[in-house]
C-alpha atoms as a PDB file:
ATOM      1  CA  MET A   1     194.341-160.158   5.976  1.00  0.00           C
ATOM      2  CA  ARG A   2     192.513-156.976   5.033  1.00  0.00           C
ATOM      3  CA  ARG A   3     192.978-155.938   1.461  1.00  0.00           C
ATOM      4  CA  TRP A   4     192.395-152.586  -0.170  1.00  0.00           C
ATOM      5  CA  ILE A   5     192.563-151.839  -3.837  1.00  0.00           C
ATOM      6  CA  ALA A   6     193.338-148.279  -4.741  1.00  0.00           C
ATOM      7  CA  GLY A   7     193.746-146.176  -7.811  1.00  0.00           C
ATOM      8  CA  SER A   8     192.305-143.172  -9.548  1.00  0.00           C
ATOM      9  CA  GLY A   9     191.364-141.824 -12.940  1.00  0.00           C
ATOM     10  CA  LEU A  10     191.605-144.911 -15.100  1.00  0.00           C
ATOM     11  CA  VAL A  11     192.043-147.106 -12.068  1.00  0.00           C
ATOM     12  CA  LEU A  12     189.727-148.356  -9.366  1.00  0.00           C
ATOM     13  CA  LEU A  13     190.340-147.079  -5.882  1.00  0.00           C
ATOM     14  CA  VAL A  14     188.783-149.346  -3.296  1.00  0.00           C
ATOM     15  CA  VAL A  15     188.287-148.860   0.438  1.00  0.00           C
ATOM     16  CA  LEU A  16     191.438-146.939   1.209  1.00  0.00           C
ATOM     17  CA  PHE A  17     191.594-143.702  -0.763  1.00  0.00           C
ATOM     18  CA  SER A  18     189.470-140.738  -1.788  1.00  0.00           C
ATOM     19  CA  VAL A  19     190.489-137.207  -2.787  1.00  0.00           C
ATOM     20  CA  SER A  20     188.833-133.888  -3.641  1.00  0.00           C
ATOM     21  CA  SER A  21     189.371-131.054  -6.019  1.00  0.00           C
ATOM     22  CA  CYS A  22     191.354-128.050  -5.045  1.00  0.00           C
ATOM     23  CA  GLY A  23     190.218-124.506  -4.389  1.00  0.00           C
ATOM     24  CA  SER A  24     191.008-121.419  -6.374  1.00  0.00           C
ATOM     25  CA  SER A  25     193.760-120.464  -3.934  1.00  0.00           C
ATOM     26  CA  GLN A  26     195.787-123.549  -4.843  1.00  0.00           C
ATOM     27  CA  LYS A  27     199.390-122.860  -5.750  1.00  0.00           C
ATOM     28  CA  SER A  28     200.798-124.576  -8.789  1.00  0.00           C
ATOM     29  CA  VAL A  29     203.396-127.270  -8.375  1.00  0.00           C
ATOM     30  CA  SER A  30     206.232-127.618 -10.837  1.00  0.00           C
ATOM     31  CA  ILE A  31     206.592-131.046 -12.413  1.00  0.00           C
ATOM     32  CA  SER A  32     209.949-132.519 -13.412  1.00  0.00           C
ATOM     33  CA  GLU A  33     210.530-134.359 -16.690  1.00  0.00           C
ATOM     34  CA  GLY A  34     210.743-137.702 -14.875  1.00  0.00           C
ATOM     35  CA  GLU A  35     207.517-137.006 -13.076  1.00  0.00           C
ATOM     36  CA  ALA A  36     205.802-135.968 -16.305  1.00  0.00           C
ATOM     37  CA  ALA A  37     206.913-139.267 -17.865  1.00  0.00           C
ATOM     38  CA  ALA A  38     205.392-141.185 -14.945  1.00  0.00           C
ATOM     39  CA  PHE A  39     202.132-139.231 -15.259  1.00  0.00           C
ATOM     40  CA  GLN A  40     201.900-139.964 -18.994  1.00  0.00           C
ATOM     41  CA  ASN A  41     202.433-143.689 -18.518  1.00  0.00           C
ATOM     42  CA  LYS A  42     199.332-145.578 -19.684  1.00  0.00           C
ATOM     43  CA  GLU A  43     200.439-149.076 -18.722  1.00  0.00           C
ATOM     44  CA  ALA A  44     198.755-150.180 -15.496  1.00  0.00           C
ATOM     45  CA  ASP A  45     201.114-150.561 -12.569  1.00  0.00           C
ATOM     46  CA  THR A  46     200.165-152.710  -9.645  1.00  0.00           C
ATOM     47  CA  VAL A  47     201.810-151.867  -6.350  1.00  0.00           C
ATOM     48  CA  THR A  48     201.111-154.005  -3.311  1.00  0.00           C
ATOM     49  CA  ILE A  49     201.486-152.189  -0.034  1.00  0.00           C
ATOM     50  CA  SER A  50     201.945-154.412   2.950  1.00  0.00           C
ATOM     51  CA  ASP A  51     203.959-154.500   6.108  1.00  0.00           C
ATOM     52  CA  PRO A  52     205.463-157.786   7.309  1.00  0.00           C
ATOM     53  CA  ASP A  53     204.531-156.904  10.886  1.00  0.00           C
ATOM     54  CA  SER A  54     200.900-155.994  10.194  1.00  0.00           C
ATOM     55  CA  LYS A  55     197.943-157.758   8.642  1.00  0.00           C
ATOM     56  CA  TYR A  56     197.044-154.871   6.344  1.00  0.00           C
ATOM     57  CA  GLU A  57     197.604-154.639   2.642  1.00  0.00           C
ATOM     58  CA  ILE A  58     196.777-152.075  -0.024  1.00  0.00           C
ATOM     59  CA  ILE A  59     196.825-152.764  -3.734  1.00  0.00           C
ATOM     60  CA  ILE A  60     197.207-149.717  -5.969  1.00  0.00           C
ATOM     61  CA  ILE A  61     196.583-150.063  -9.672  1.00  0.00           C
ATOM     62  CA  GLU A  62     197.685-146.773 -11.185  1.00  0.00           C
ATOM     63  CA  PRO A  63     199.578-146.111 -14.398  1.00  0.00           C
ATOM     64  CA  GLY A  64     202.998-144.663 -13.584  1.00  0.00           C
ATOM     65  CA  PHE A  65     202.800-144.927  -9.796  1.00  0.00           C
ATOM     66  CA  ASN A  66     205.350-147.740  -9.464  1.00  0.00           C
ATOM     67  CA  PHE A  67     207.870-145.838 -11.615  1.00  0.00           C
ATOM     68  CA  TRP A  68     207.210-142.634  -9.670  1.00  0.00           C
ATOM     69  CA  LEU A  69     207.530-144.404  -6.311  1.00  0.00           C
ATOM     70  CA  ASN A  70     210.851-146.025  -7.230  1.00  0.00           C
ATOM     71  CA  SER A  71     212.463-143.099  -9.023  1.00  0.00           C
ATOM     72  CA  ILE A  72     211.004-139.825  -7.762  1.00  0.00           C
ATOM     73  CA  ALA A  73     209.532-140.274  -4.263  1.00  0.00           C
ATOM     74  CA  GLN A  74     211.703-139.751  -1.205  1.00  0.00           C
ATOM     75  CA  PRO A  75     213.366-143.012  -0.103  1.00  0.00           C
ATOM     76  CA  ARG A  76     212.126-145.170   2.744  1.00  0.00           C
ATOM     77  CA  GLY A  77     213.305-143.793   6.052  1.00  0.00           C
ATOM     78  CA  TYR A  78     213.206-140.176   4.860  1.00  0.00           C
ATOM     79  CA  TYR A  79     210.003-139.549   6.844  1.00  0.00           C
ATOM     80  CA  SER A  80     209.210-140.841  10.326  1.00  0.00           C
ATOM     81  CA  GLN A  81     206.245-143.151  10.767  1.00  0.00           C
ATOM     82  CA  ASN A  82     204.612-140.508  12.977  1.00  0.00           C
ATOM     83  CA  PHE A  83     204.875-137.921  10.167  1.00  0.00           C
ATOM     84  CA  LEU A  84     203.408-140.357   7.643  1.00  0.00           C
ATOM     85  CA  GLU A  85     200.528-141.334   9.935  1.00  0.00           C
ATOM     86  CA  THR A  86     199.670-137.703  10.670  1.00  0.00           C
ATOM     87  CA  ARG A  87     199.614-136.742   6.988  1.00  0.00           C
ATOM     88  CA  ASN A  88     197.724-139.888   5.979  1.00  0.00           C
ATOM     89  CA  ARG A  89     195.010-139.174   8.550  1.00  0.00           C
ATOM     90  CA  LEU A  90     194.526-135.669   7.128  1.00  0.00           C
ATOM     91  CA  TYR A  91     194.510-136.897   3.532  1.00  0.00           C
ATOM     92  CA  VAL A  92     192.103-139.747   4.275  1.00  0.00           C
ATOM     93  CA  ILE A  93     189.627-137.412   5.988  1.00  0.00           C
ATOM     94  CA  GLU A  94     189.631-135.062   3.017  1.00  0.00           C
ATOM     95  CA  TRP A  95     189.487-137.958   0.541  1.00  0.00           C
ATOM     96  CA  ASN A  96     186.466-139.481   2.270  1.00  0.00           C
ATOM     97  CA  GLN A  97     184.683-136.123   2.368  1.00  0.00           C
ATOM     98  CA  ARG A  98     185.151-135.827  -1.384  1.00  0.00           C
ATOM     99  CA  VAL A  99     183.832-139.326  -1.992  1.00  0.00           C
ATOM    100  CA  MET A 100     180.643-138.273  -0.207  1.00  0.00           C
ATOM    101  CA  GLN A 101     180.206-135.260  -2.530  1.00  0.00           C
ATOM    102  CA  PRO A 102     180.101-136.684  -6.092  1.00  0.00           C
ATOM    103  CA  ASN A 103     178.288-133.605  -7.402  1.00  0.00           C
ATOM    104  CA  ARG A 104     181.129-131.384  -6.243  1.00  0.00           C
ATOM    105  CA  PHE A 105     184.166-133.632  -6.788  1.00  0.00           C
ATOM    106  CA  ASP A 106     184.924-135.917  -9.716  1.00  0.00           C
ATOM    107  CA  PRO A 107     183.515-139.342  -8.789  1.00  0.00           C
ATOM    108  CA  LEU A 108     185.968-140.963 -11.207  1.00  0.00           C
ATOM    109  CA  LEU A 109     188.809-139.685  -9.013  1.00  0.00           C
ATOM    110  CA  TYR A 110     187.105-140.234  -5.684  1.00  0.00           C
ATOM    111  CA  GLU A 111     185.336-143.547  -6.055  1.00  0.00           C
ATOM    112  CA  LEU A 112     185.527-145.275  -2.685  1.00  0.00           C
ATOM    113  CA  GLN A 113     186.106-144.300   0.899  1.00  0.00           C
ATOM    114  CA  ILE A 114     189.285-145.250   2.704  1.00  0.00           C
ATOM    115  CA  ASN A 115     189.082-147.160   5.939  1.00  0.00           C
ATOM    116  CA  TYR A 116     192.081-145.775   7.829  1.00  0.00           C
ATOM    117  CA  GLU A 117     191.683-145.891  11.586  1.00  0.00           C
ATOM    118  CA  GLN A 118     193.676-143.640  13.892  1.00  0.00           C
ATOM    119  CA  ASN A 119     194.297-146.253  16.558  1.00  0.00           C
ATOM    120  CA  VAL A 120     195.589-148.963  14.193  1.00  0.00           C
ATOM    121  CA  ASP A 121     199.311-149.397  13.588  1.00  0.00           C
ATOM    122  CA  TYR A 122     199.528-150.137   9.879  1.00  0.00           C
ATOM    123  CA  GLY A 123     203.328-150.234   9.971  1.00  0.00           C
ATOM    124  CA  TYR A 124     205.898-148.114   8.199  1.00  0.00           C
ATOM    125  CA  GLU A 125     205.633-149.646   4.731  1.00  0.00           C
ATOM    126  CA  VAL A 126     201.851-149.239   4.452  1.00  0.00           C
ATOM    127  CA  ASN A 127     202.040-145.646   5.671  1.00  0.00           C
ATOM    128  CA  TYR A 128     204.999-144.853   3.410  1.00  0.00           C
ATOM    129  CA  LYS A 129     203.323-146.096   0.240  1.00  0.00           C
ATOM    130  CA  LEU A 130     199.925-144.659   1.144  1.00  0.00           C
ATOM    131  CA  TYR A 131     201.472-141.250   1.783  1.00  0.00           C
ATOM    132  CA  ASN A 132     203.376-141.391  -1.480  1.00  0.00           C
ATOM    133  CA  TYR A 133     200.265-142.418  -3.353  1.00  0.00           C
ATOM    134  CA  PHE A 134     198.515-139.329  -1.987  1.00  0.00           C
ATOM    135  CA  ILE A 135     201.424-137.145  -3.123  1.00  0.00           C
ATOM    136  CA  TYR A 136     201.464-138.821  -6.537  1.00  0.00           C
ATOM    137  CA  PHE A 137     197.697-138.461  -6.891  1.00  0.00           C
ATOM    138  CA  GLN A 138     197.697-134.793  -5.906  1.00  0.00           C
ATOM    139  CA  ARG A 139     200.498-133.923  -8.282  1.00  0.00           C
ATOM    140  CA  LYS A 140     199.220-135.963 -11.225  1.00  0.00           C
ATOM    141  CA  TYR A 141     195.593-134.862 -11.008  1.00  0.00           C
ATOM    142  CA  ARG A 142     196.355-131.373  -9.686  1.00  0.00           C
ATOM    143  CA  GLN A 143     194.311-131.908  -6.567  1.00  0.00           C
ATOM    144  CA  ARG A 144     194.950-130.583  -3.083  1.00  0.00           C
ATOM    145  CA  LEU A 145     193.902-132.799  -0.196  1.00  0.00           C
ATOM    146  CA  GLY A 146     194.968-130.570   2.626  1.00  0.00           C
ATOM    147  CA  PRO A 147     196.764-127.423   3.641  1.00  0.00           C
ATOM    148  CA  PHE A 148     200.125-128.691   2.398  1.00  0.00           C
ATOM    149  CA  ILE A 149     201.466-128.247  -1.115  1.00  0.00           C
ATOM    150  CA  PRO A 150     202.193-131.803  -2.334  1.00  0.00           C
ATOM    151  CA  ARG A 151     205.972-131.686  -2.637  1.00  0.00           C
ATOM    152  CA  ILE A 152     208.446-134.455  -3.137  1.00  0.00           C
END
């Protein structure tokens, strides 16, 4: 079983994620009270992302992410697997580019590259949680990993 450990800021992100800072044209995103509470959480959450039908697993250690995932993120089934895979590919490419530029992007946010292959079926659950982690990360750290405003 492959295992990835991910996180950002105070948390270690290993082999699956990497994000970059946003440009000056970035639009601001409004944050709800519940989301602000999740972002201020200092207690480390550990979320294991796995799919019963695949051999892939991601472990995210990020304060507030578990609360955010269970109370603020769109529910499972809201997005199609194809949508999640497409967005994850875009986010991973940008993340990995930022990891490779530590003088330009905060290396404490973008520590390790993500190994996300286009031709691998990671299953719905892995893609769902990975996508939501990217949304959480972008909103919490006010980053923009692609052309889309990170909305819930």
